[in-house]
C-alpha cells in the first residue's frame, strides 16, 4: 500500500494520503460519530483554556 512506503513515522499527511480515506459522509452513523468527536473535542479545548472547571 502507498501509505506504508517509508512514511510510517511521519505524522504530516500529504494530499495523496488524505484522498485515500474513504468515509461515507452521508451515512447517519458517520454524522453521529462526527458530532460525538466534536463534542469531546470542544470539552477538551474548554478544559485546556480553563483548568479550574
PDB file of N, CA and C in Angstrom:
ATOM      1  N   UNK A   1       0.830  -1.200   0.000  1.00  0.00           N
ATOM      2  CA  UNK A   1       0.000   0.000   0.000  1.00  0.00           C
ATOM      3  C   UNK A   1       0.863   1.248   0.000  1.00  0.00           C
ATOM      4  N   UNK A   2       0.364   2.326  -0.543  1.00  0.00           N
ATOM      5  CA  UNK A   2       1.126   3.567  -0.650  1.00  0.00           C
ATOM      6  C   UNK A   2       1.460   4.156   0.718  1.00  0.00           C
ATOM      7  N   UNK A   3       0.537   4.012   1.644  1.00  0.00           N
ATOM      8  CA  UNK A   3       0.694   4.658   2.933  1.00  0.00           C
ATOM      9  C   UNK A   3       1.928   4.183   3.689  1.00  0.00           C
ATOM     10  N   UNK A   4       2.272   2.890   3.543  1.00  0.00           N
ATOM     11  CA  UNK A   4       3.375   2.351   4.330  1.00  0.00           C
ATOM     12  C   UNK A   4       4.729   2.545   3.651  1.00  0.00           C
ATOM     13  N   UNK A   5       4.760   3.287   2.568  1.00  0.00           N
ATOM     14  CA  UNK A   5       6.012   3.477   1.841  1.00  0.00           C
ATOM     15  C   UNK A   5       6.912   4.487   2.544  1.00  0.00           C
ATOM     16  N   UNK A   6       7.529   4.060   3.642  1.00  0.00           N
ATOM     17  CA  UNK A   6       8.514   4.884   4.332  1.00  0.00           C
ATOM     18  C   UNK A   6       7.943   6.105   5.021  1.00  0.00           C
ATOM     19  N   UNK A   7       6.631   6.154   5.226  1.00  0.00           N
ATOM     20  CA  UNK A   7       6.042   7.337   5.855  1.00  0.00           C
ATOM     21  C   UNK A   7       5.469   7.022   7.229  1.00  0.00           C
ATOM     22  N   UNK A   8       5.739   5.827   7.719  1.00  0.00           N
ATOM     23  CA  UNK A   8       5.107   5.378   8.960  1.00  0.00           C
ATOM     24  C   UNK A   8       5.385   6.340  10.115  1.00  0.00           C
ATOM     25  N   UNK A   9       6.609   6.866  10.205  1.00  0.00           N
ATOM     26  CA  UNK A   9       6.977   7.720  11.328  1.00  0.00           C
ATOM     27  C   UNK A   9       6.523   9.156  11.155  1.00  0.00           C
ATOM     28  N   UNK A  10       6.067   9.501   9.971  1.00  0.00           N
ATOM     29  CA  UNK A  10       5.718  10.886   9.685  1.00  0.00           C
ATOM     30  C   UNK A  10       4.257  11.175   9.994  1.00  0.00           C
ATOM     31  N   UNK A  11       4.018  12.154  10.846  1.00  0.00           N
ATOM     32  CA  UNK A  11       2.644  12.499  11.208  1.00  0.00           C
ATOM     33  C   UNK A  11       2.033  13.434  10.167  1.00  0.00           C
ATOM     34  N   UNK A  12       2.897  14.059   9.356  1.00  0.00           N
ATOM     35  CA  UNK A  12       2.425  15.013   8.358  1.00  0.00           C
ATOM     36  C   UNK A  12       1.804  14.272   7.178  1.00  0.00           C
ATOM     37  N   UNK A  13       0.582  14.658   6.834  1.00  0.00           N
ATOM     38  CA  UNK A  13      -0.107  13.965   5.738  1.00  0.00           C
ATOM     39  C   UNK A  13       0.096  14.707   4.422  1.00  0.00           C
ATOM     40  N   UNK A  14       0.249  13.947   3.362  1.00  0.00           N
ATOM     41  CA  UNK A  14       0.301  14.552   2.038  1.00  0.00           C
ATOM     42  C   UNK A  14      -1.096  14.542   1.446  1.00  0.00           C
ATOM     43  N   UNK A  15      -1.290  15.263   0.356  1.00  0.00           N
ATOM     44  CA  UNK A  15      -2.608  15.310  -0.280  1.00  0.00           C
ATOM     45  C   UNK A  15      -3.060  13.912  -0.679  1.00  0.00           C
ATOM     46  N   UNK A  16      -2.147  13.115  -1.223  1.00  0.00           N
ATOM     47  CA  UNK A  16      -2.496  11.774  -1.693  1.00  0.00           C
ATOM     48  C   UNK A  16      -3.085  10.942  -0.561  1.00  0.00           C
ATOM     49  N   UNK A  17      -2.427  10.963   0.582  1.00  0.00           N
ATOM     50  CA  UNK A  17      -2.890  10.152   1.707  1.00  0.00           C
ATOM     51  C   UNK A  17      -4.270  10.615   2.162  1.00  0.00           C
ATOM     52  N   UNK A  18      -4.492  11.905   2.123  1.00  0.00           N
ATOM     53  CA  UNK A  18      -5.776  12.466   2.531  1.00  0.00           C
ATOM     54  C   UNK A  18      -6.897  11.898   1.662  1.00  0.00           C
ATOM     55  N   UNK A  19      -6.642  11.798   0.372  1.00  0.00           N
ATOM     56  CA  UNK A  19      -7.655  11.314  -0.567  1.00  0.00           C
ATOM     57  C   UNK A  19      -8.022   9.855  -0.322  1.00  0.00           C
ATOM     58  N   UNK A  20      -7.092   9.080   0.228  1.00  0.00           N
ATOM     59  CA  UNK A  20      -7.312   7.641   0.359  1.00  0.00           C
ATOM     60  C   UNK A  20      -8.297   7.283   1.463  1.00  0.00           C
ATOM     61  N   UNK A  21      -8.592   8.209   2.351  1.00  0.00           N
ATOM     62  CA  UNK A  21      -9.532   7.918   3.424  1.00  0.00           C
ATOM     63  C   UNK A  21     -10.938   7.948   2.849  1.00  0.00           C
ATOM     64  N   UNK A  22     -11.575   6.776   2.814  1.00  0.00           N
ATOM     65  CA  UNK A  22     -12.871   6.668   2.159  1.00  0.00           C
ATOM     66  C   UNK A  22     -13.976   6.534   3.200  1.00  0.00           C
ATOM     67  N   UNK A  23     -14.592   7.649   3.551  1.00  0.00           N
ATOM     68  CA  UNK A  23     -15.661   7.650   4.545  1.00  0.00           C
ATOM     69  C   UNK A  23     -16.936   8.156   3.883  1.00  0.00           C
ATOM     70  N   UNK A  24     -18.023   7.453   4.122  1.00  0.00           N
ATOM     71  CA  UNK A  24     -19.303   7.899   3.586  1.00  0.00           C
ATOM     72  C   UNK A  24     -19.851   9.009   4.479  1.00  0.00           C
ATOM     73  N   UNK A  25     -19.660  10.239   4.044  1.00  0.00           N
ATOM     74  CA  UNK A  25     -20.055  11.378   4.875  1.00  0.00           C
ATOM     75  C   UNK A  25     -21.569  11.563   4.944  1.00  0.00           C
ATOM     76  N   UNK A  26     -22.303  10.855   4.101  1.00  0.00           N
ATOM     77  CA  UNK A  26     -23.757  10.985   4.127  1.00  0.00           C
ATOM     78  C   UNK A  26     -24.406   9.952   5.038  1.00  0.00           C
ATOM     79  N   UNK A  27     -23.627   8.989   5.512  1.00  0.00           N
ATOM     80  CA  UNK A  27     -24.190   7.955   6.376  1.00  0.00           C
ATOM     81  C   UNK A  27     -24.542   8.547   7.736  1.00  0.00           C
ATOM     82  N   UNK A  28     -25.728   8.206   8.272  1.00  0.00           N
ATOM     83  CA  UNK A  28     -26.152   8.775   9.563  1.00  0.00           C
ATOM     84  C   UNK A  28     -25.201   8.423  10.700  1.00  0.00           C
ATOM     85  N   UNK A  29     -24.622   7.230  10.672  1.00  0.00           N
ATOM     86  CA  UNK A  29     -23.705   6.864  11.758  1.00  0.00           C
ATOM     87  C   UNK A  29     -22.414   7.688  11.703  1.00  0.00           C
ATOM     88  N   UNK A  30     -22.043   8.111  10.489  1.00  0.00           N
ATOM     89  CA  UNK A  30     -20.873   8.973  10.349  1.00  0.00           C
ATOM     90  C   UNK A  30     -21.140  10.315  11.022  1.00  0.00           C
ATOM     91  N   UNK A  31     -22.342  10.828  10.801  1.00  0.00           N
ATOM     92  CA  UNK A  31     -22.713  12.107  11.397  1.00  0.00           C
ATOM     93  C   UNK A  31     -22.732  12.007  12.916  1.00  0.00           C
ATOM     94  N   UNK A  32     -23.286  10.907  13.439  1.00  0.00           N
ATOM     95  CA  UNK A  32     -23.320  10.709  14.889  1.00  0.00           C
ATOM     96  C   UNK A  32     -21.908  10.673  15.452  1.00  0.00           C
ATOM     97  N   UNK A  33     -21.041   9.937  14.766  1.00  0.00           N
ATOM     98  CA  UNK A  33     -19.659   9.820  15.225  1.00  0.00           C
ATOM     99  C   UNK A  33     -18.977  11.182  15.198  1.00  0.00           C
ATOM    100  N   UNK A  34     -19.199  11.926  14.124  1.00  0.00           N
ATOM    101  CA  UNK A  34     -18.581  13.241  13.997  1.00  0.00           C
ATOM    102  C   UNK A  34     -19.038  14.174  15.113  1.00  0.00           C
ATOM    103  N   UNK A  35     -20.337  14.163  15.394  1.00  0.00           N
ATOM    104  CA  UNK A  35     -20.865  15.018  16.459  1.00  0.00           C
ATOM    105  C   UNK A  35     -20.281  14.623  17.808  1.00  0.00           C
ATOM    106  N   UNK A  36     -20.141  13.318  18.041  1.00  0.00           N
ATOM    107  CA  UNK A  36     -19.578  12.847  19.305  1.00  0.00           C
ATOM    108  C   UNK A  36     -18.132  13.305  19.442  1.00  0.00           C
ATOM    109  N   UNK A  37     -17.376  13.180  18.352  1.00  0.00           N
ATOM    110  CA  UNK A  37     -15.970  13.580  18.384  1.00  0.00           C
ATOM    111  C   UNK A  37     -15.857  15.084  18.605  1.00  0.00           C
ATOM    112  N   UNK A  38     -16.683  15.859  17.884  1.00  0.00           N
ATOM    113  CA  UNK A  38     -16.633  17.309  18.030  1.00  0.00           C
ATOM    114  C   UNK A  38     -16.971  17.737  19.446  1.00  0.00           C
ATOM    115  N   UNK A  39     -17.970  17.087  20.040  1.00  0.00           N
ATOM    116  CA  UNK A  39     -18.358  17.406  21.411  1.00  0.00           C
ATOM    117  C   UNK A  39     -17.229  17.143  22.380  1.00  0.00           C
ATOM    118  N   UNK A  40     -16.601  15.980  22.231  1.00  0.00           N
ATOM    119  CA  UNK A  40     -15.469  15.651  23.095  1.00  0.00           C
ATOM    120  C   UNK A  40     -14.355  16.663  22.914  1.00  0.00           C
ATOM    121  N   UNK A  41     -14.092  17.029  21.650  1.00  0.00           N
ATOM    122  CA  UNK A  41     -13.004  17.947  21.347  1.00  0.00           C
ATOM    123  C   UNK A  41     -13.269  19.322  21.947  1.00  0.00           C
ATOM    124  N   UNK A  42     -14.519  19.798  21.828  1.00  0.00           N
ATOM    125  CA  UNK A  42     -14.858  21.106  22.395  1.00  0.00           C
ATOM    126  C   UNK A  42     -14.667  21.123  23.903  1.00  0.00           C
ATOM    127  N   UNK A  43     -15.124  20.048  24.561  1.00  0.00           N
ATOM    128  CA  UNK A  43     -14.951  19.976  26.013  1.00  0.00           C
ATOM    129  C   UNK A  43     -13.472  19.956  26.364  1.00  0.00           C
ATOM    130  N   UNK A  44     -12.692  19.255  25.564  1.00  0.00           N
ATOM    131  CA  UNK A  44     -11.253  19.170  25.796  1.00  0.00           C
ATOM    132  C   UNK A  44     -10.611  20.545  25.645  1.00  0.00           C
ATOM    133  N   UNK A  45     -10.980  21.278  24.590  1.00  0.00           N
ATOM    134  CA  UNK A  45     -10.440  22.614  24.358  1.00  0.00           C
ATOM    135  C   UNK A  45     -10.804  23.548  25.508  1.00  0.00           C
ATOM    136  N   UNK A  46     -12.043  23.458  25.973  1.00  0.00           N
ATOM    137  CA  UNK A  46     -12.504  24.312  27.064  1.00  0.00           C
ATOM    138  C   UNK A  46     -11.685  24.036  28.319  1.00  0.00           C
ATOM    139  N   UNK A  47     -11.469  22.745  28.592  1.00  0.00           N
ATOM    140  CA  UNK A  47     -10.728  22.353  29.781  1.00  0.00           C
ATOM    141  C   UNK A  47      -9.284  22.856  29.693  1.00  0.00           C
ATOM    142  N   UNK A  48      -8.712  22.844  28.479  1.00  0.00           N
ATOM    143  CA  UNK A  48      -7.342  23.298  28.300  1.00  0.00           C
ATOM    144  C   UNK A  48      -7.224  24.791  28.615  1.00  0.00           C
ATOM    145  N   UNK A  49      -8.224  25.561  28.176  1.00  0.00           N
ATOM    146  CA  UNK A  49      -8.207  27.005  28.412  1.00  0.00           C
ATOM    147  C   UNK A  49      -8.475  27.345  29.869  1.00  0.00           C
ATOM    148  N   UNK A  50      -9.402  26.607  30.481  1.00  0.00           N
ATOM    149  CA  UNK A  50      -9.851  26.927  31.834  1.00  0.00           C
ATOM    150  C   UNK A  50      -9.708  25.705  32.744  1.00  0.00           C
ATOM    151  N   UNK A  51      -8.514  25.500  33.304  1.00  0.00           N
ATOM    152  CA  UNK A  51      -8.240  24.285  34.085  1.00  0.00           C
ATOM    153  C   UNK A  51      -9.067  24.185  35.369  1.00  0.00           C
ATOM    154  N   UNK A  52      -9.659  25.287  35.815  1.00  0.00           N
ATOM    155  CA  UNK A  52     -10.391  25.272  37.081  1.00  0.00           C
ATOM    156  C   UNK A  52     -11.728  24.543  36.964  1.00  0.00           C
ATOM    157  N   UNK A  53     -12.262  24.426  35.723  1.00  0.00           N
ATOM    158  CA  UNK A  53     -13.579  23.788  35.565  1.00  0.00           C
ATOM    159  C   UNK A  53     -13.468  22.271  35.538  1.00  0.00           C
TER     160      UNK A  53
END
